[in-house]
C-alpha cells in the first residue's frame, strides 16, 4: 500500500517521506523514524532532521494530537 504525508498508518501520522526513511508521529506524540534499510539505520542522522521538523506545531487536546505544518 502507498501512503502520503498526512495519512495515518495504524496509530501514526506520516510527517515526512524520504528516499531511505519515513518520519511519523504516534498518537501519543512520540516521533519515530522508520528506516527502509539496515545500513541507513546504522548511520542514524536523526539530529539533522530535527531542524527541518521545527516548523511543525503539534497540539494536544483531549488525547488527540493535531499537527500543523508551518
PDB file of N, CA and C in Angstrom:
ATOM      1  N   UNK A   1       0.843  -1.181   0.000  1.00  0.00           N
ATOM      2  CA  UNK A   1       0.000   0.000   0.000  1.00  0.00           C
ATOM      3  C   UNK A   1       0.884   1.239   0.000  1.00  0.00           C
ATOM      4  N   UNK A   2       0.447   2.274  -0.680  1.00  0.00           N
ATOM      5  CA  UNK A   2       1.173   3.536  -0.732  1.00  0.00           C
ATOM      6  C   UNK A   2       0.570   4.529   0.250  1.00  0.00           C
ATOM      7  N   UNK A   3       1.421   5.367   0.825  1.00  0.00           N
ATOM      8  CA  UNK A   3       0.977   6.382   1.776  1.00  0.00           C
ATOM      9  C   UNK A   3       1.490   7.748   1.351  1.00  0.00           C
ATOM     10  N   UNK A   4       0.794   8.779   1.823  1.00  0.00           N
ATOM     11  CA  UNK A   4       1.189  10.162   1.561  1.00  0.00           C
ATOM     12  C   UNK A   4       1.362  10.882   2.884  1.00  0.00           C
ATOM     13  N   UNK A   5       2.080  11.996   2.840  1.00  0.00           N
ATOM     14  CA  UNK A   5       2.250  12.821   4.029  1.00  0.00           C
ATOM     15  C   UNK A   5       0.876  13.217   4.552  1.00  0.00           C
ATOM     16  N   UNK A   6       0.687  13.074   5.860  1.00  0.00           N
ATOM     17  CA  UNK A   6      -0.585  13.405   6.495  1.00  0.00           C
ATOM     18  C   UNK A   6      -1.492  12.214   6.714  1.00  0.00           C
ATOM     19  N   UNK A   7      -1.258  11.118   6.002  1.00  0.00           N
ATOM     20  CA  UNK A   7      -2.097   9.931   6.168  1.00  0.00           C
ATOM     21  C   UNK A   7      -1.698   9.161   7.422  1.00  0.00           C
ATOM     22  N   UNK A   8      -2.612   8.306   7.876  1.00  0.00           N
ATOM     23  CA  UNK A   8      -2.392   7.505   9.079  1.00  0.00           C
ATOM     24  C   UNK A   8      -1.941   6.098   8.698  1.00  0.00           C
ATOM     25  N   UNK A   9      -0.976   5.581   9.489  1.00  0.00           N
ATOM     26  CA  UNK A   9      -0.562   4.179   9.433  1.00  0.00           C
ATOM     27  C   UNK A   9      -0.783   3.661  10.845  1.00  0.00           C
ATOM     28  N   UNK A  10      -1.827   2.917  11.033  1.00  0.00           N
ATOM     29  CA  UNK A  10      -2.275   2.480  12.353  1.00  0.00           C
ATOM     30  C   UNK A  10      -2.441   3.709  13.241  1.00  0.00           C
ATOM     31  N   UNK A  11      -1.636   3.851  14.309  1.00  0.00           N
ATOM     32  CA  UNK A  11      -1.806   4.996  15.211  1.00  0.00           C
ATOM     33  C   UNK A  11      -0.797   6.113  14.932  1.00  0.00           C
ATOM     34  N   UNK A  12      -0.163   6.111  13.763  1.00  0.00           N
ATOM     35  CA  UNK A  12       0.860   7.107  13.444  1.00  0.00           C
ATOM     36  C   UNK A  12       0.489   7.905  12.200  1.00  0.00           C
ATOM     37  N   UNK A  13       0.780   9.202  12.246  1.00  0.00           N
ATOM     38  CA  UNK A  13       0.560  10.061  11.084  1.00  0.00           C
ATOM     39  C   UNK A  13       1.894  10.285  10.387  1.00  0.00           C
ATOM     40  N   UNK A  14       1.902  10.157   9.065  1.00  0.00           N
ATOM     41  CA  UNK A  14       3.119  10.333   8.274  1.00  0.00           C
ATOM     42  C   UNK A  14       3.457  11.822   8.214  1.00  0.00           C
ATOM     43  N   UNK A  15       4.676  12.167   8.670  1.00  0.00           N
ATOM     44  CA  UNK A  15       5.132  13.555   8.642  1.00  0.00           C
ATOM     45  C   UNK A  15       5.976  13.849   7.420  1.00  0.00           C
ATOM     46  N   UNK A  16       6.861  12.902   7.089  1.00  0.00           N
ATOM     47  CA  UNK A  16       7.805  13.130   6.002  1.00  0.00           C
ATOM     48  C   UNK A  16       8.183  11.807   5.377  1.00  0.00           C
ATOM     49  N   UNK A  17       8.267  11.767   4.053  1.00  0.00           N
ATOM     50  CA  UNK A  17       8.690  10.572   3.332  1.00  0.00           C
ATOM     51  C   UNK A  17       9.968  10.926   2.582  1.00  0.00           C
ATOM     52  N   UNK A  18      11.038  10.219   2.901  1.00  0.00           N
ATOM     53  CA  UNK A  18      12.345  10.437   2.287  1.00  0.00           C
ATOM     54  C   UNK A  18      12.764   9.165   1.562  1.00  0.00           C
ATOM     55  N   UNK A  19      13.773   9.229   0.697  1.00  0.00           N
ATOM     56  CA  UNK A  19      14.164   8.038  -0.068  1.00  0.00           C
ATOM     57  C   UNK A  19      14.556   6.833   0.789  1.00  0.00           C
ATOM     58  N   UNK A  20      15.117   7.066   1.979  1.00  0.00           N
ATOM     59  CA  UNK A  20      15.593   5.945   2.784  1.00  0.00           C
ATOM     60  C   UNK A  20      14.891   5.803   4.133  1.00  0.00           C
ATOM     61  N   UNK A  21      13.921   6.673   4.426  1.00  0.00           N
ATOM     62  CA  UNK A  21      13.226   6.598   5.715  1.00  0.00           C
ATOM     63  C   UNK A  21      11.900   7.352   5.665  1.00  0.00           C
ATOM     64  N   UNK A  22      11.067   7.039   6.660  1.00  0.00           N
ATOM     65  CA  UNK A  22       9.775   7.700   6.818  1.00  0.00           C
ATOM     66  C   UNK A  22       9.709   8.197   8.257  1.00  0.00           C
ATOM     67  N   UNK A  23       9.285   9.435   8.436  1.00  0.00           N
ATOM     68  CA  UNK A  23       9.171  10.012   9.773  1.00  0.00           C
ATOM     69  C   UNK A  23       7.688  10.116  10.100  1.00  0.00           C
ATOM     70  N   UNK A  24       7.312   9.568  11.261  1.00  0.00           N
ATOM     71  CA  UNK A  24       5.917   9.555  11.695  1.00  0.00           C
ATOM     72  C   UNK A  24       5.814  10.086  13.117  1.00  0.00           C
ATOM     73  N   UNK A  25       4.604  10.474  13.509  1.00  0.00           N
ATOM     74  CA  UNK A  25       4.339  10.821  14.902  1.00  0.00           C
ATOM     75  C   UNK A  25       3.193   9.929  15.360  1.00  0.00           C
ATOM     76  N   UNK A  26       3.404   9.250  16.476  1.00  0.00           N
ATOM     77  CA  UNK A  26       2.402   8.334  17.026  1.00  0.00           C
ATOM     78  C   UNK A  26       1.286   9.111  17.716  1.00  0.00           C
ATOM     79  N   UNK A  27       0.191   8.450  18.003  1.00  0.00           N
ATOM     80  CA  UNK A  27      -0.959   9.095  18.644  1.00  0.00           C
ATOM     81  C   UNK A  27      -0.627   9.623  20.029  1.00  0.00           C
ATOM     82  N   UNK A  28       0.460   9.123  20.637  1.00  0.00           N
ATOM     83  CA  UNK A  28       0.867   9.626  21.950  1.00  0.00           C
ATOM     84  C   UNK A  28       1.863  10.780  21.840  1.00  0.00           C
ATOM     85  N   UNK A  29       2.130  11.244  20.606  1.00  0.00           N
ATOM     86  CA  UNK A  29       3.026  12.371  20.381  1.00  0.00           C
ATOM     87  C   UNK A  29       4.473  11.984  20.153  1.00  0.00           C
ATOM     88  N   UNK A  30       4.790  10.704  20.233  1.00  0.00           N
ATOM     89  CA  UNK A  30       6.163  10.234  20.047  1.00  0.00           C
ATOM     90  C   UNK A  30       6.519  10.230  18.568  1.00  0.00           C
ATOM     91  N   UNK A  31       7.631  10.873  18.236  1.00  0.00           N
ATOM     92  CA  UNK A  31       8.107  10.901  16.860  1.00  0.00           C
ATOM     93  C   UNK A  31       9.010   9.701  16.620  1.00  0.00           C
ATOM     94  N   UNK A  32       8.847   9.050  15.469  1.00  0.00           N
ATOM     95  CA  UNK A  32       9.666   7.887  15.131  1.00  0.00           C
ATOM     96  C   UNK A  32      10.166   8.007  13.703  1.00  0.00           C
ATOM     97  N   UNK A  33      11.353   7.463  13.482  1.00  0.00           N
ATOM     98  CA  UNK A  33      11.921   7.379  12.139  1.00  0.00           C
ATOM     99  C   UNK A  33      11.976   5.908  11.759  1.00  0.00           C
ATOM    100  N   UNK A  34      11.367   5.561  10.648  1.00  0.00           N
ATOM    101  CA  UNK A  34      11.337   4.181  10.162  1.00  0.00           C
ATOM    102  C   UNK A  34      12.279   4.090   8.966  1.00  0.00           C
ATOM    103  N   UNK A  35      13.336   3.305   9.112  1.00  0.00           N
ATOM    104  CA  UNK A  35      14.328   3.161   8.051  1.00  0.00           C
ATOM    105  C   UNK A  35      13.950   2.016   7.132  1.00  0.00           C
ATOM    106  N   UNK A  36      14.267   2.168   5.851  1.00  0.00           N
ATOM    107  CA  UNK A  36      13.947   1.142   4.869  1.00  0.00           C
ATOM    108  C   UNK A  36      15.041   0.094   4.759  1.00  0.00           C
ATOM    109  N   UNK A  37      16.273   0.471   5.119  1.00  0.00           N
ATOM    110  CA  UNK A  37      17.400  -0.457   5.050  1.00  0.00           C
ATOM    111  C   UNK A  37      18.199  -0.411   6.352  1.00  0.00           C
ATOM    112  N   UNK A  38      18.756  -1.538   6.709  1.00  0.00           N
ATOM    113  CA  UNK A  38      19.559  -1.663   7.925  1.00  0.00           C
ATOM    114  C   UNK A  38      20.736  -0.685   7.951  1.00  0.00           C
ATOM    115  N   UNK A  39      21.417  -0.560   6.822  1.00  0.00           N
ATOM    116  CA  UNK A  39      22.614   0.297   6.778  1.00  0.00           C
ATOM    117  C   UNK A  39      22.265   1.756   7.036  1.00  0.00           C
ATOM    118  N   UNK A  40      21.095   2.179   6.611  1.00  0.00           N
ATOM    119  CA  UNK A  40      20.672   3.562   6.852  1.00  0.00           C
ATOM    120  C   UNK A  40      20.377   3.796   8.328  1.00  0.00           C
ATOM    121  N   UNK A  41      19.792   2.804   8.969  1.00  0.00           N
ATOM    122  CA  UNK A  41      19.500   2.926  10.392  1.00  0.00           C
ATOM    123  C   UNK A  41      20.786   3.035  11.197  1.00  0.00           C
ATOM    124  N   UNK A  42      21.823   2.342  10.765  1.00  0.00           N
ATOM    125  CA  UNK A  42      23.096   2.378  11.470  1.00  0.00           C
ATOM    126  C   UNK A  42      23.759   3.748  11.361  1.00  0.00           C
ATOM    127  N   UNK A  43      23.479   4.466  10.298  1.00  0.00           N
ATOM    128  CA  UNK A  43      24.055   5.807  10.110  1.00  0.00           C
ATOM    129  C   UNK A  43      23.277   6.874  10.871  1.00  0.00           C
ATOM    130  N   UNK A  44      22.105   6.540  11.334  1.00  0.00           N
ATOM    131  CA  UNK A  44      21.172   7.413  12.047  1.00  0.00           C
ATOM    132  C   UNK A  44      21.598   8.876  12.170  1.00  0.00           C
ATOM    133  N   UNK A  45      21.058   9.687  11.305  1.00  0.00           N
ATOM    134  CA  UNK A  45      21.330  11.118  11.325  1.00  0.00           C
ATOM    135  C   UNK A  45      20.091  11.886  11.760  1.00  0.00           C
ATOM    136  N   UNK A  46      19.358  11.328  12.691  1.00  0.00           N
ATOM    137  CA  UNK A  46      18.086  11.927  13.112  1.00  0.00           C
ATOM    138  C   UNK A  46      18.248  13.352  13.606  1.00  0.00           C
ATOM    139  N   UNK A  47      19.371  13.674  14.223  1.00  0.00           N
ATOM    140  CA  UNK A  47      19.553  15.028  14.734  1.00  0.00           C
ATOM    141  C   UNK A  47      19.546  16.053  13.604  1.00  0.00           C
ATOM    142  N   UNK A  48      19.959  15.687  12.395  1.00  0.00           N
ATOM    143  CA  UNK A  48      19.903  16.598  11.258  1.00  0.00           C
ATOM    144  C   UNK A  48      18.463  16.894  10.859  1.00  0.00           C
ATOM    145  N   UNK A  49      17.586  15.927  11.016  1.00  0.00           N
ATOM    146  CA  UNK A  49      16.187  16.107  10.655  1.00  0.00           C
ATOM    147  C   UNK A  49      15.463  17.014  11.640  1.00  0.00           C
ATOM    148  N   UNK A  50      15.946  17.089  12.861  1.00  0.00           N
ATOM    149  CA  UNK A  50      15.266  17.874  13.888  1.00  0.00           C
ATOM    150  C   UNK A  50      15.064  19.313  13.433  1.00  0.00           C
ATOM    151  N   UNK A  51      16.071  19.902  12.813  1.00  0.00           N
ATOM    152  CA  UNK A  51      15.956  21.295  12.394  1.00  0.00           C
ATOM    153  C   UNK A  51      14.873  21.467  11.327  1.00  0.00           C
ATOM    154  N   UNK A  52      14.714  20.487  10.432  1.00  0.00           N
ATOM    155  CA  UNK A  52      13.698  20.606   9.395  1.00  0.00           C
ATOM    156  C   UNK A  52      12.298  20.346   9.951  1.00  0.00           C
ATOM    157  N   UNK A  53      12.206  19.693  11.106  1.00  0.00           N
ATOM    158  CA  UNK A  53      10.896  19.420  11.694  1.00  0.00           C
ATOM    159  C   UNK A  53      10.466  20.498  12.681  1.00  0.00           C
ATOM    160  N   UNK A  54      11.324  21.487  12.918  1.00  0.00           N
ATOM    161  CA  UNK A  54      10.975  22.544  13.856  1.00  0.00           C
ATOM    162  C   UNK A  54       9.798  23.379  13.362  1.00  0.00           C
ATOM    163  N   UNK A  55       9.497  23.307  12.065  1.00  0.00           N
ATOM    164  CA  UNK A  55       8.380  24.065  11.527  1.00  0.00           C
ATOM    165  C   UNK A  55       7.032  23.416  11.850  1.00  0.00           C
ATOM    166  N   UNK A  56       7.056  22.253  12.508  1.00  0.00           N
ATOM    167  CA  UNK A  56       5.824  21.575  12.889  1.00  0.00           C
ATOM    168  C   UNK A  56       5.325  22.101  14.227  1.00  0.00           C
ATOM    169  N   UNK A  57       4.027  22.231  14.337  1.00  0.00           N
ATOM    170  CA  UNK A  57       3.403  22.629  15.593  1.00  0.00           C
ATOM    171  C   UNK A  57       2.438  21.517  15.975  1.00  0.00           C
ATOM    172  N   UNK A  58       2.758  20.763  17.032  1.00  0.00           N
ATOM    173  CA  UNK A  58       1.923  19.642  17.457  1.00  0.00           C
ATOM    174  C   UNK A  58       1.157  20.067  18.698  1.00  0.00           C
ATOM    175  N   UNK A  59      -0.171  20.053  18.591  1.00  0.00           N
ATOM    176  CA  UNK A  59      -1.048  20.499  19.673  1.00  0.00           C
ATOM    177  C   UNK A  59      -1.860  19.312  20.170  1.00  0.00           C
ATOM    178  N   UNK A  60      -1.891  19.127  21.491  1.00  0.00           N
ATOM    179  CA  UNK A  60      -2.653  18.029  22.090  1.00  0.00           C
ATOM    180  C   UNK A  60      -3.924  18.579  22.723  1.00  0.00           C
ATOM    181  N   UNK A  61      -5.056  17.928  22.411  1.00  0.00           N
ATOM    182  CA  UNK A  61      -6.338  18.263  23.020  1.00  0.00           C
ATOM    183  C   UNK A  61      -7.142  16.986  23.183  1.00  0.00           C
ATOM    184  N   UNK A  62      -7.600  16.734  24.389  1.00  0.00           N
ATOM    185  CA  UNK A  62      -8.455  15.570  24.650  1.00  0.00           C
ATOM    186  C   UNK A  62      -7.881  14.275  24.079  1.00  0.00           C
ATOM    187  N   UNK A  63      -6.605  14.020  24.353  1.00  0.00           N
ATOM    188  CA  UNK A  63      -5.921  12.811  23.893  1.00  0.00           C
ATOM    189  C   UNK A  63      -5.827  12.692  22.379  1.00  0.00           C
ATOM    190  N   UNK A  64      -5.958  13.807  21.660  1.00  0.00           N
ATOM    191  CA  UNK A  64      -5.777  13.831  20.207  1.00  0.00           C
ATOM    192  C   UNK A  64      -4.681  14.832  19.902  1.00  0.00           C
ATOM    193  N   UNK A  65      -3.850  14.500  18.915  1.00  0.00           N
ATOM    194  CA  UNK A  65      -2.760  15.372  18.527  1.00  0.00           C
ATOM    195  C   UNK A  65      -3.047  15.948  17.155  1.00  0.00           C
ATOM    196  N   UNK A  66      -2.927  17.250  17.034  1.00  0.00           N
ATOM    197  CA  UNK A  66      -3.143  17.943  15.774  1.00  0.00           C
ATOM    198  C   UNK A  66      -1.807  18.483  15.302  1.00  0.00           C
ATOM    199  N   UNK A  67      -1.459  18.176  14.048  1.00  0.00           N
ATOM    200  CA  UNK A  67      -0.164  18.575  13.509  1.00  0.00           C
ATOM    201  C   UNK A  67      -0.401  19.676  12.478  1.00  0.00           C
ATOM    202  N   UNK A  68       0.243  20.812  12.730  1.00  0.00           N
ATOM    203  CA  UNK A  68       0.130  21.961  11.832  1.00  0.00           C
ATOM    204  C   UNK A  68       1.483  22.171  11.173  1.00  0.00           C
ATOM    205  N   UNK A  69       1.501  22.191   9.850  1.00  0.00           N
ATOM    206  CA  UNK A  69       2.730  22.443   9.092  1.00  0.00           C
ATOM    207  C   UNK A  69       2.824  23.933   8.848  1.00  0.00           C
ATOM    208  N   UNK A  70       3.902  24.553   9.320  1.00  0.00           N
ATOM    209  CA  UNK A  70       4.094  25.993   9.141  1.00  0.00           C
ATOM    210  C   UNK A  70       4.763  26.293   7.837  1.00  0.00           C
TER     211      UNK A  70
END
